[in-house]
Protein backbone atom coordinates (compact mmCIF):
# COMPACT_ATOMS: atom_id res chain seq x y z
CA MET A 1 25.95 -37.26 -35.87
CA ALA A 2 28.90 -38.94 -34.10
CA TYR A 3 31.59 -40.89 -35.94
CA LEU A 4 35.13 -42.20 -35.50
CA LYS A 5 37.93 -39.98 -36.85
CA THR A 6 41.62 -40.75 -37.28
CA ASP A 7 44.33 -38.09 -37.20
CA LYS A 8 47.75 -39.06 -38.52
CA LYS A 9 50.65 -37.33 -36.81
CA LYS A 10 54.38 -37.90 -36.56
CA GLU A 11 54.08 -39.74 -33.24
CA GLY A 12 51.26 -41.97 -34.47
CA THR A 13 47.63 -42.20 -35.54
CA TYR A 14 45.13 -40.81 -33.04
CA LEU A 15 41.51 -41.90 -32.58
CA ARG A 16 38.67 -39.54 -31.67
CA ILE A 17 34.90 -39.81 -31.41
CA VAL A 18 33.72 -36.66 -33.18
CA GLU A 19 30.26 -35.13 -33.52
CA SER A 20 29.03 -32.87 -36.34
CA TYR A 21 26.64 -30.06 -35.44
CA ARG A 22 25.49 -26.60 -36.55
CA ASP A 23 26.07 -23.54 -34.40
CA GLU A 24 23.55 -20.76 -33.75
CA GLU A 25 24.31 -19.17 -37.11
CA GLY A 26 23.76 -22.46 -38.92
CA VAL A 27 27.42 -23.06 -39.69
CA SER A 28 28.50 -26.73 -39.78
CA ARG A 29 31.10 -27.51 -37.13
CA LYS A 30 32.78 -30.51 -35.38
CA ARG A 31 33.54 -31.20 -31.73
CA THR A 32 35.44 -33.99 -29.98
CA LEU A 33 33.28 -36.12 -27.67
CA HIS A 34 36.05 -38.45 -26.52
CA SER A 35 39.73 -39.04 -27.31
CA LEU A 36 40.72 -42.71 -27.53
CA GLY A 37 44.48 -42.20 -27.77
CA ARG A 38 46.87 -43.70 -30.30
CA VAL A 39 45.96 -46.63 -32.52
CA GLU A 40 49.43 -48.05 -31.84
CA ASP A 41 48.57 -48.39 -28.13
CA TYR A 42 45.93 -51.04 -28.94
CA THR A 43 46.45 -54.56 -30.20
CA GLU A 44 44.60 -55.72 -33.31
CA GLU A 45 42.48 -57.99 -31.14
CA MET A 46 41.47 -55.09 -28.86
CA LEU A 47 40.40 -52.97 -31.80
CA GLN A 48 38.44 -55.89 -33.26
CA ARG A 49 36.66 -56.47 -29.96
CA MET A 50 35.72 -52.79 -29.66
CA GLY A 51 34.44 -52.76 -33.20
CA ALA A 52 32.40 -55.94 -32.76
CA ARG A 53 30.91 -54.65 -29.51
CA LEU A 54 29.95 -51.30 -31.04
CA TYR A 55 28.36 -53.15 -33.95
CA GLU A 56 26.32 -55.29 -31.54
CA LEU A 57 25.24 -52.26 -29.50
CA GLY A 58 24.03 -50.70 -32.73
CA GLY A 59 21.69 -53.63 -33.23
CA GLY A 60 23.86 -55.32 -35.85
CA ASP A 61 24.03 -59.08 -36.37
CA LEU A 62 27.60 -60.37 -36.12
CA ARG A 63 26.81 -63.05 -38.65
CA ALA A 64 26.12 -60.36 -41.20
CA LEU A 65 29.42 -58.71 -40.29
CA ILE A 66 31.38 -61.94 -40.53
CA GLY A 67 29.64 -63.33 -43.60
CA ASP A 68 27.74 -66.50 -44.45
CA ASN A 69 30.77 -68.69 -45.15
CA ILE A 70 30.98 -69.91 -41.54
CA GLU A 71 31.94 -73.38 -40.34
CA GLU A 72 31.98 -74.65 -36.76
CA LEU A 73 35.09 -76.78 -36.29
CA GLY A 74 34.38 -77.82 -32.73
CA ARG A 75 32.89 -76.97 -29.37
CA TYR A 76 34.85 -77.05 -26.13
CA ASN A 77 34.48 -76.43 -22.43
CA TYR A 78 36.79 -73.69 -21.17
CA GLY A 79 35.26 -73.27 -17.71
CA PHE A 80 36.79 -76.25 -15.90
CA TYR A 81 40.29 -75.30 -16.99
CA GLN A 82 39.80 -71.58 -16.31
CA ILE A 83 38.33 -72.09 -12.83
CA TYR A 84 40.35 -74.99 -11.47
CA HIS A 85 43.76 -74.21 -12.96
CA LYS A 86 44.03 -71.15 -10.75
CA LEU A 87 43.21 -73.24 -7.66
CA TYR A 88 45.60 -75.99 -8.83
CA GLN A 89 48.40 -73.44 -9.05
CA SER A 90 47.48 -71.92 -5.68
CA TYR A 91 48.44 -75.23 -4.04
CA GLY A 92 51.73 -75.24 -5.96
CA LEU A 93 50.87 -78.60 -7.50
CA ASP A 94 52.03 -77.60 -10.99
CA ARG A 95 55.43 -76.74 -9.53
CA VAL A 96 55.70 -79.91 -7.43
CA LEU A 97 54.67 -82.24 -10.25
CA GLY A 98 56.97 -80.36 -12.61
CA GLN A 99 59.87 -81.01 -10.24
CA ILE A 100 58.97 -84.70 -10.06
CA SER A 101 58.86 -84.89 -13.87
CA LYS A 102 62.28 -83.29 -14.14
CA ARG A 103 63.89 -85.42 -11.46
CA LYS A 104 62.40 -88.65 -12.80
CA LYS A 105 63.21 -87.58 -16.40
CA LEU A 106 59.69 -88.45 -17.52
CA SER A 107 59.01 -88.41 -21.25
CA TYR A 108 55.63 -86.72 -20.75
CA ASP A 109 54.19 -83.74 -18.89
CA LEU A 110 53.10 -85.20 -15.53
CA SER A 111 51.30 -82.04 -14.40
CA ASN A 112 49.31 -81.84 -17.64
CA ALA A 113 48.28 -85.52 -17.42
CA VAL A 114 47.24 -85.21 -13.76
CA PHE A 115 45.33 -82.00 -14.39
CA LEU A 116 43.40 -83.65 -17.24
CA MET A 117 42.33 -86.46 -14.88
CA LEU A 118 41.33 -83.87 -12.28
CA LEU A 119 39.15 -81.96 -14.74
CA GLU A 120 37.36 -85.13 -15.79
CA ARG A 121 36.91 -86.17 -12.14
CA LEU A 122 35.40 -82.77 -11.31
CA ASN A 123 33.27 -82.68 -14.44
CA ASP A 124 32.11 -86.18 -15.32
CA PRO A 125 33.92 -88.92 -13.35
CA GLY A 126 34.75 -92.05 -15.30
CA SER A 127 37.51 -94.50 -16.09
CA LYS A 128 40.97 -93.47 -17.23
CA LEU A 129 40.00 -94.71 -20.69
CA CYS A 130 37.01 -92.34 -20.67
CA THR A 131 39.29 -89.52 -19.52
CA TRP A 132 41.62 -90.18 -22.43
CA THR A 133 38.69 -90.29 -24.85
CA HIS A 134 37.18 -87.02 -23.56
CA GLN A 135 40.39 -84.97 -23.38
CA SER A 136 39.60 -83.13 -26.64
CA GLU A 137 36.55 -81.57 -24.96
CA TYR A 138 38.74 -79.28 -22.82
CA LEU A 139 40.63 -76.20 -23.98
CA GLY A 140 44.05 -75.67 -22.43
CA ILE A 141 45.05 -79.34 -22.14
CA GLU A 142 47.90 -80.69 -24.24
CA PRO A 143 47.29 -84.14 -25.84
CA VAL A 144 47.97 -87.05 -23.45
CA GLU A 145 48.60 -90.71 -24.26
CA LEU A 146 46.48 -93.28 -22.42
CA HIS A 147 49.46 -95.11 -20.90
CA HIS A 148 50.74 -91.79 -19.54
CA LEU A 149 47.55 -91.47 -17.46
CA TYR A 150 48.24 -94.82 -15.79
CA ARG A 151 51.90 -93.98 -15.29
CA SER A 152 50.83 -90.68 -13.70
CA LEU A 153 48.85 -92.62 -11.09
CA ASP A 154 52.06 -94.44 -10.17
CA GLN A 155 53.81 -91.11 -9.63
CA LEU A 156 50.96 -89.86 -7.44
CA ALA A 157 51.21 -93.05 -5.38
CA ASP A 158 54.98 -92.62 -4.92
CA HIS A 159 54.71 -88.97 -3.89
CA HIS A 160 51.35 -88.83 -2.09
CA GLU A 161 52.85 -87.65 1.20
CA ARG A 162 54.61 -84.74 -0.48
CA ILE A 163 51.41 -83.80 -2.29
CA GLN A 164 49.38 -83.95 0.94
CA GLY A 165 51.93 -81.74 2.70
CA CYS A 166 51.88 -79.25 -0.16
CA ILE A 167 48.08 -78.99 -0.04
CA TYR A 168 48.08 -78.65 3.75
CA ARG A 169 50.73 -75.91 3.94
CA SER A 170 49.38 -73.95 0.99
CA GLY A 171 45.85 -74.20 2.39
CA ARG A 172 46.95 -72.67 5.68
CA ASN A 173 48.62 -69.78 3.84
CA LEU A 174 45.77 -69.20 1.38
CA PHE A 175 43.25 -68.47 4.11
CA ASN A 176 45.70 -67.40 6.82
CA GLN A 177 44.25 -69.90 9.25
CA LYS A 178 45.68 -71.50 12.35
CA LEU A 179 44.94 -75.17 12.82
CA ASP A 180 43.22 -75.56 16.18
CA VAL A 181 40.58 -78.24 15.54
CA VAL A 182 41.01 -81.42 13.48
CA PHE A 183 38.15 -83.75 12.54
CA PHE A 184 38.97 -87.40 11.89
CA ASP A 185 36.86 -90.28 10.66
CA VAL A 186 37.09 -93.30 8.40
CA THR A 187 34.97 -94.80 5.66
CA THR A 188 35.24 -97.65 3.18
CA PHE A 189 35.61 -97.64 -0.61
CA TYR A 190 34.57 -100.87 -2.28
CA PHE A 191 35.70 -102.64 -5.45
CA ASP A 192 33.54 -104.33 -8.03
CA SER A 193 35.18 -107.61 -7.04
CA ASP A 194 35.06 -110.20 -4.25
CA LYS A 195 38.57 -111.55 -4.87
CA GLU A 196 41.03 -110.97 -2.03
CA MET A 197 44.82 -111.09 -2.29
CA GLU A 198 46.86 -111.91 0.79
CA GLY A 199 48.90 -108.99 2.11
CA LYS A 200 47.26 -106.48 -0.24
CA LEU A 201 44.99 -103.49 0.41
CA ARG A 202 41.93 -105.11 -1.17
CA GLN A 203 40.32 -107.15 1.60
CA LYS A 204 36.84 -107.95 2.82
CA GLY A 205 35.68 -106.28 6.01
CA PHE A 206 32.85 -104.35 7.60
CA SER A 207 31.46 -102.18 4.80
CA LYS A 208 30.12 -98.72 5.59
CA ASP A 209 28.40 -98.83 2.19
CA GLY A 210 26.52 -102.04 2.94
CA LYS A 211 28.37 -103.90 0.17
CA LEU A 212 28.53 -107.35 1.74
CA GLY A 213 30.98 -109.72 0.08
CA LYS A 214 32.85 -106.98 -1.82
CA THR A 215 36.53 -106.26 -1.26
CA GLN A 216 37.35 -102.79 0.02
CA ILE A 217 39.90 -100.43 1.53
CA LEU A 218 39.58 -98.31 4.68
CA PHE A 219 40.06 -94.58 4.10
CA GLY A 220 40.89 -92.23 6.99
CA LEU A 221 40.45 -88.49 6.43
CA LEU A 222 41.54 -85.45 8.43
CA ILE A 223 39.87 -82.07 7.76
CA ASP A 224 39.60 -78.73 9.54
CA LYS A 225 36.49 -76.84 10.62
CA ASP A 226 36.06 -75.41 7.09
CA LYS A 227 36.19 -78.86 5.43
CA GLN A 228 39.67 -78.09 4.09
CA PRO A 229 41.81 -81.25 3.86
CA ILE A 230 44.70 -81.88 6.24
CA GLY A 231 45.66 -85.39 5.19
CA TYR A 232 44.52 -88.94 4.60
CA GLU A 233 45.63 -92.54 5.07
CA ILE A 234 44.71 -95.81 3.40
CA TYR A 235 44.41 -99.13 5.25
CA SER A 236 43.58 -102.64 4.17
CA GLY A 237 39.87 -103.36 3.99
CA ASP A 238 39.87 -105.69 6.99
CA THR A 239 41.30 -103.05 9.36
CA PHE A 240 39.14 -102.22 12.39
CA GLU A 241 38.39 -98.49 12.25
CA GLY A 242 39.54 -97.90 15.82
CA HIS A 243 43.00 -99.21 14.94
CA SER A 244 43.47 -96.47 12.36
CA PHE A 245 43.26 -93.76 15.01
CA GLU A 246 46.69 -94.27 16.56
CA ASP A 247 48.33 -94.33 13.14
CA ALA A 248 46.55 -91.11 12.12
CA LEU A 249 47.80 -89.40 15.29
CA GLU A 250 51.35 -90.54 14.68
CA ARG A 251 51.38 -89.26 11.11
CA LEU A 252 49.68 -86.00 12.06
CA LYS A 253 52.40 -85.27 14.60
CA LYS A 254 55.22 -86.37 12.30
CA ARG A 255 54.10 -84.57 9.13
CA TYR A 256 52.97 -81.21 10.41
CA MET A 257 54.78 -80.69 13.72
CA ILE A 258 51.51 -79.58 15.34
CA ASP A 259 51.91 -78.72 19.01
CA LYS A 260 48.40 -78.11 20.25
CA VAL A 261 45.21 -79.21 18.57
CA ILE A 262 41.81 -80.56 19.54
CA LEU A 263 41.06 -83.81 17.74
CA VAL A 264 37.36 -84.48 17.15
CA ALA A 265 36.27 -88.01 16.27
CA ASP A 266 33.22 -90.28 16.30
CA ARG A 267 32.38 -92.98 18.85
CA GLY A 268 34.03 -95.68 16.75
CA MET A 269 37.42 -94.27 17.75
CA LEU A 270 36.79 -94.26 21.50
CA ASN A 271 38.75 -96.86 23.46
CA LYS A 272 41.25 -96.66 26.30
CA LYS A 273 44.26 -97.18 24.05
CA ASN A 274 43.26 -94.44 21.64
CA LEU A 275 42.52 -91.98 24.44
CA ALA A 276 45.87 -92.75 26.06
CA LYS A 277 47.70 -92.21 22.77
CA THR A 278 45.90 -88.91 22.20
CA VAL A 279 47.02 -87.60 25.58
CA GLU A 280 50.53 -89.00 25.05
CA LYS A 281 50.90 -87.04 21.79
CA GLY A 282 49.92 -83.85 23.60
CA TYR A 283 46.52 -83.46 21.91
CA HIS A 284 43.16 -82.67 23.41
CA PHE A 285 40.25 -84.74 22.21
CA ILE A 286 36.49 -84.45 21.81
CA MET A 287 34.94 -87.82 21.06
CA GLY A 288 31.57 -89.45 20.98
CA GLU A 289 31.03 -91.52 24.12
CA ARG A 290 29.72 -95.10 24.02
CA LEU A 291 27.00 -94.48 26.55
CA LYS A 292 25.79 -98.08 26.75
CA GLN A 293 29.30 -99.31 27.52
CA LEU A 294 29.78 -97.10 30.57
CA SER A 295 29.37 -98.53 34.05
CA LYS A 296 25.83 -99.01 35.31
CA SER A 297 26.30 -96.33 37.99
CA VAL A 298 27.42 -93.74 35.40
CA GLN A 299 24.57 -94.72 33.09
CA ARG A 300 22.01 -94.29 35.86
CA GLU A 301 23.34 -90.80 36.54
CA LEU A 302 23.25 -89.78 32.88
CA LEU A 303 19.76 -91.23 32.30
CA GLU A 304 18.22 -88.98 35.00
CA LEU A 305 16.83 -86.32 32.68
CA ASP A 306 15.58 -84.19 35.57
CA SER A 307 19.22 -83.43 36.42
CA TYR A 308 19.86 -81.83 33.00
CA GLN A 309 19.83 -78.25 34.28
CA HIS A 310 21.88 -76.40 31.61
CA GLN A 311 20.70 -75.39 28.14
CA TRP A 312 22.38 -74.67 24.80
CA LEU A 313 20.78 -73.43 21.62
CA MET A 314 22.17 -75.26 18.61
CA LYS A 315 21.84 -72.99 15.60
CA GLU A 316 21.30 -74.45 12.16
CA ALA A 317 21.46 -72.31 9.01
CA GLY A 318 17.97 -71.30 7.94
CA ASP A 319 16.26 -73.25 10.73
CA GLN A 320 14.96 -72.47 14.18
CA PRO A 321 17.58 -73.07 16.92
CA ILE A 322 17.30 -76.47 18.60
CA ARG A 323 17.16 -76.40 22.40
CA ILE A 324 19.67 -78.82 23.92
CA ARG A 325 19.70 -79.70 27.63
CA TYR A 326 22.92 -81.06 29.08
CA LYS A 327 24.80 -82.07 32.21
CA THR A 328 28.49 -82.68 32.87
CA ILE A 329 30.21 -85.27 35.06
CA LYS A 330 33.81 -86.30 35.68
CA HIS A 331 34.75 -89.89 34.87
CA GLN A 332 38.18 -91.55 34.65
CA GLY A 333 40.07 -88.32 34.11
CA ARG A 334 37.80 -86.86 31.45
CA ARG A 335 34.66 -84.77 31.24
CA ILE A 336 31.54 -86.47 29.96
CA ILE A 337 28.95 -84.08 28.58
CA ALA A 338 25.55 -85.74 28.14
CA THR A 339 23.02 -83.90 25.99
CA TYR A 340 19.29 -84.37 25.42
CA SER A 341 16.98 -82.93 22.77
CA GLU A 342 13.34 -83.66 22.03
CA LYS A 343 14.02 -83.61 18.31
CA ARG A 344 16.64 -86.34 18.66
CA ALA A 345 14.32 -88.35 20.91
CA LYS A 346 11.61 -88.32 18.23
CA LYS A 347 14.14 -89.41 15.62
CA ASP A 348 15.40 -92.27 17.81
CA ALA A 349 11.83 -93.45 18.40
CA LYS A 350 11.09 -93.30 14.67
CA ASP A 351 14.26 -95.24 13.82
CA ARG A 352 13.28 -97.92 16.36
CA GLU A 353 9.85 -98.22 14.78
CA LYS A 354 11.49 -98.91 11.42
CA ARG A 355 13.63 -101.62 12.97
CA LEU A 356 10.55 -103.15 14.59
CA GLU A 357 8.81 -103.20 11.19
CA LYS A 358 11.84 -104.97 9.81
CA ALA A 359 11.76 -107.40 12.72
CA GLU A 360 8.13 -108.28 12.01
CA ALA A 361 9.05 -108.98 8.38
CA LEU A 362 11.98 -111.16 9.43
CA LEU A 363 9.84 -113.18 11.82
CA LYS A 364 7.68 -114.11 8.83
CA ASP A 365 10.79 -115.36 6.97
CA PRO A 366 12.93 -117.27 9.54
CA SER A 367 15.55 -118.17 6.89
CA LYS A 368 16.94 -114.61 7.12
CA LEU A 369 17.12 -114.44 10.90
CA LYS A 370 20.50 -116.04 11.56
CA ALA A 371 22.64 -113.05 10.61
CA LYS A 372 20.18 -110.25 11.41
CA ALA A 373 18.30 -111.25 14.53
CA ARG A 374 20.40 -109.35 17.03
CA ARG A 375 20.18 -106.12 15.02
CA HIS A 376 16.39 -106.14 14.88
CA TYR A 377 15.20 -106.78 18.45
CA ILE A 378 14.73 -110.49 17.89
CA SER A 379 15.74 -113.09 20.46
CA MET A 380 16.37 -116.74 19.67
CA GLU A 381 15.52 -119.29 22.39
CA GLU A 382 15.56 -122.99 21.67
CA GLY A 383 15.42 -122.21 17.96
CA LYS A 384 12.29 -120.11 18.33
CA ALA A 385 12.34 -116.46 17.29
CA SER A 386 10.39 -113.70 19.04
CA LEU A 387 10.59 -109.99 19.70
CA ASP A 388 13.03 -109.07 22.48
CA GLU A 389 10.69 -106.89 24.53
CA GLU A 390 13.29 -106.28 27.24
CA LYS A 391 15.85 -104.94 24.74
CA ILE A 392 13.22 -102.66 23.21
CA LYS A 393 12.35 -101.33 26.67
CA GLN A 394 16.02 -100.72 27.53
CA ASP A 395 16.70 -98.86 24.27
CA GLN A 396 13.80 -96.51 24.92
CA LYS A 397 15.69 -95.14 27.94
CA TYR A 398 18.39 -93.70 25.69
CA ASP A 399 16.08 -91.83 23.30
CA GLY A 400 17.32 -88.29 22.70
CA ILE A 401 20.55 -88.73 24.68
CA LEU A 402 24.02 -88.26 23.20
CA ALA A 403 27.20 -88.15 25.25
CA ILE A 404 30.67 -86.92 24.36
CA SER A 405 34.00 -87.01 26.21
CA THR A 406 36.84 -84.54 26.37
CA ASN A 407 40.07 -83.97 28.27
CA GLU A 408 39.88 -80.23 27.54
CA GLU A 409 39.37 -78.52 30.90
CA ASN A 410 39.35 -74.85 29.89
CA LEU A 411 37.08 -74.82 26.87
CA PRO A 412 33.44 -73.81 27.60
CA VAL A 413 30.89 -76.60 27.25
CA GLU A 414 29.03 -74.71 24.51
CA LYS A 415 32.24 -74.52 22.45
CA ILE A 416 32.91 -78.22 22.94
CA LEU A 417 29.40 -79.08 21.82
CA ASP A 418 29.77 -76.83 18.80
CA HIS A 419 33.04 -78.54 17.80
CA TYR A 420 31.45 -81.96 18.04
CA ARG A 421 28.40 -80.80 16.10
CA ASN A 422 30.72 -79.85 13.23
CA LEU A 423 31.82 -83.46 12.94
CA TYR A 424 29.02 -83.83 10.38
CA LYS A 425 31.26 -81.94 7.94
CA ILE A 426 33.51 -84.95 7.55
CA GLU A 427 30.46 -87.01 6.61
CA HIS A 428 29.75 -84.40 3.94
CA SER A 429 33.35 -84.78 2.78
CA PHE A 430 32.95 -88.55 2.46
CA ARG A 431 29.79 -87.93 0.47
CA SER A 432 31.81 -85.70 -1.87
CA PHE A 433 34.35 -88.47 -2.39
CA LYS A 434 31.78 -91.19 -2.92
CA SER A 435 28.98 -89.50 -4.83
CA HIS A 436 30.23 -86.34 -6.50
CA LEU A 437 33.77 -87.50 -7.33
CA GLU A 438 32.70 -91.16 -7.66
CA THR A 439 35.81 -92.54 -5.96
CA ARG A 440 34.12 -95.93 -5.78
CA PRO A 441 33.57 -98.56 -6.98
CA MET A 442 37.25 -98.84 -7.87
CA PHE A 443 38.56 -100.82 -10.80
CA HIS A 444 42.30 -100.71 -10.06
CA TRP A 445 43.81 -103.92 -8.72
CA THR A 446 47.41 -103.19 -7.68
CA ASP A 447 48.17 -101.36 -4.44
CA LYS A 448 50.12 -98.67 -6.28
CA ARG A 449 47.30 -97.87 -8.70
CA ILE A 450 44.82 -97.86 -5.81
CA ARG A 451 46.99 -95.38 -3.92
CA GLY A 452 47.37 -93.25 -7.04
CA HIS A 453 43.61 -93.21 -7.66
CA ILE A 454 42.89 -92.14 -4.06
CA CYS A 455 45.54 -89.41 -4.25
CA LEU A 456 43.96 -88.10 -7.45
CA CYS A 457 40.50 -88.00 -5.83
CA TYR A 458 41.99 -86.29 -2.77
CA ILE A 459 43.46 -83.50 -4.94
CA ALA A 460 40.11 -83.11 -6.72
CA TYR A 461 38.38 -82.84 -3.33
CA ALA A 462 40.93 -80.21 -2.20
CA LEU A 463 40.26 -78.07 -5.31
CA LEU A 464 36.50 -78.35 -4.88
CA ALA A 465 36.62 -77.61 -1.13
CA GLN A 466 38.81 -74.55 -1.69
CA LEU A 467 36.45 -73.22 -4.36
CA GLN A 468 33.42 -73.67 -2.09
CA LEU A 469 35.19 -71.96 0.82
CA ARG A 470 36.12 -68.99 -1.37
CA LEU A 471 32.50 -68.66 -2.45
CA GLU A 472 31.24 -68.92 1.15
CA LYS A 473 33.59 -66.15 2.25
CA LYS A 474 32.13 -63.99 -0.53
CA LYS A 475 28.56 -64.75 0.70
CA PHE A 476 27.83 -66.75 -2.45
CA PRO A 477 27.63 -70.40 -1.36
CA LEU A 478 27.02 -72.99 -4.07
CA SER A 479 26.51 -76.73 -3.88
CA GLU A 480 28.87 -79.10 -5.68
CA ARG A 481 26.13 -79.94 -8.16
CA LYS A 482 25.42 -76.27 -8.91
CA ILE A 483 29.10 -75.51 -9.42
CA ARG A 484 29.46 -78.39 -11.86
CA LYS A 485 26.34 -77.31 -13.74
CA LEU A 486 27.47 -73.68 -14.06
CA ILE A 487 30.98 -74.54 -15.22
CA SER A 488 29.79 -77.17 -17.70
CA LYS A 489 27.84 -74.44 -19.53
CA MET A 490 30.96 -72.31 -20.05
CA GLN A 491 31.70 -73.29 -23.65
CA LEU A 492 33.39 -71.94 -26.77
CA SER A 493 32.62 -72.65 -30.41
CA HIS A 494 35.64 -72.89 -32.70
CA ILE A 495 34.60 -71.04 -35.87
CA LYS A 496 36.24 -70.82 -39.29
CA ASN A 497 35.35 -68.06 -41.75
CA GLY A 498 37.45 -68.21 -44.88
CA ASN A 499 41.05 -68.14 -43.72
CA ARG A 500 40.20 -66.78 -40.29
CA GLU A 501 39.62 -68.89 -37.18
CA PHE A 502 38.26 -67.66 -33.89
CA TYR A 503 36.21 -68.66 -30.83
CA ILE A 504 32.73 -67.47 -29.92
CA ARG A 505 31.76 -67.70 -26.26
CA SER A 506 28.42 -69.12 -25.13
CA LYS A 507 26.06 -66.72 -23.36
CA LEU A 508 26.67 -66.29 -19.64
CA CYS A 509 23.71 -66.23 -17.27
CA ASP A 510 23.62 -63.75 -14.38
CA GLN A 511 24.50 -66.43 -11.83
CA THR A 512 27.60 -67.47 -13.79
CA ARG A 513 28.72 -63.85 -13.99
CA SER A 514 28.26 -63.50 -10.23
CA PHE A 515 30.13 -66.77 -9.72
CA LEU A 516 33.10 -65.54 -11.78
CA ASN A 517 33.08 -62.19 -10.03
CA ARG A 518 33.26 -63.82 -6.58
CA ILE A 519 36.38 -65.80 -7.48
CA GLY A 520 38.10 -62.90 -9.19
CA LYS A 521 37.64 -64.05 -12.80
CA ARG A 522 36.49 -61.78 -15.62
CA PRO A 523 34.24 -63.19 -18.35
CA ILE A 524 36.21 -63.83 -21.51
CA PRO A 525 35.28 -61.74 -24.60
CA ASN A 526 32.45 -62.77 -26.90
CA ILE A 527 34.82 -63.28 -29.85
CA ILE A 528 38.48 -64.29 -29.54
CA PRO A 529 40.99 -64.90 -32.35
CA LYS A 530 42.24 -68.48 -32.16
CA ASP A 531 45.86 -67.54 -31.46
CA LEU A 532 44.88 -65.41 -28.45
CA ILE A 533 42.72 -67.92 -26.55
CA THR A 534 45.47 -68.96 -24.12
CA LYS A 535 45.50 -65.41 -22.71
CA TYR A 536 42.04 -65.96 -21.27
CA LEU A 537 42.36 -69.47 -19.82
């Protein structure tokens, strides 16, 4: 039988696992199975953990070991703090916000207040009042006053450029990446209000969310090929999206001193002024081409599908490659690459059928035609509405065709097409802002609070994007929803037994263990004395 033996010596008390046995002559003897070293080399907590684990392995019930006089004082989530605090520090944001606190002589911990808002945004987005109410659900966060959360937004607004620069530079160093391709696009974030204020950010304009009559802001985002953030800008809600492009270029050049980069943007950014500015700043561009706005002679050339002699296989994860036919022409100092795919042609035809169904419905209700006729193949002549058969026929010619422009002469066509294909990643980023982080609708009314709220959501996006990239590099990709679900289950129960208080960890599933392993985090022990919990967060 094996047992634990202690040997007291001058230099300390030694631990051994000893086994009793009888030799060939039947004499009782002892032999050492394993030496555990000195008791003094272990902390009390380490010895307790070993003892509890051995008891569990022996089939014992910890409740019997602890006793029946047990009271649960609370239950907390430790996962969001444990996972995101490491990423937060990797960007140096704790240091930067600490410096701001010191310089501004703030009476509260700015970094702690901001991190609380980030955890709530990543876990269960809500108002600042909700954040303040829920703060006791997280371990590791010091108590924060409600008015300090609002004041923290003001500090984020005042220092948003510094914060963006910190995230950009740290992001480059974290993954040792050179910035060679930048994706730019804009979207709108709406308010639950239709009240405009002259000269302020909140204005009515074309809504990309379909929120007619609501005030909004225009949000421009720059990311790299891995969806890692480079920077953002905010514009008043009535700004035309194409006008944001020149400003984004100017700030990109000024902030990051980038010499050579390919800027990839959607068709909404394509106009002569923007192209001229791109070249002037020394950038190469890849942009969606407005095919229907090209000259008739160029259109005729690009609509001749028999002349599409080259092919490119577009590979999608988990799907069969899509065969793309393309041709290239020179036009006004740039290359136009026109592509055609049967899959896209079928989609275009299907989308047109939906619009025709809508047109038929509108023709039955003429009161709705005034604002929507042009968008649904309906012509109005002498006050009479009818289907515009000629427009339908013309649109059919463009089914399956997509054109892009570039001033990059040396890059292979396949690489250019691949860069433009990755523009969808910025749409995914907008979806993260809008749906997962619930950036809108916004309920802040002053420009400063609006800027602070957007900066907060931008930091949250940066943390989430970095976490997903780390997981992808470890061949363990997880969706935003799955990450949130896994982390939300990482909980601790605060237990009191007599005069002793400790935490008991919730059971970890195999996927959570794999998740922690991929990001270099060890699971915390099953039982932790209360005063030692900070060691594991």
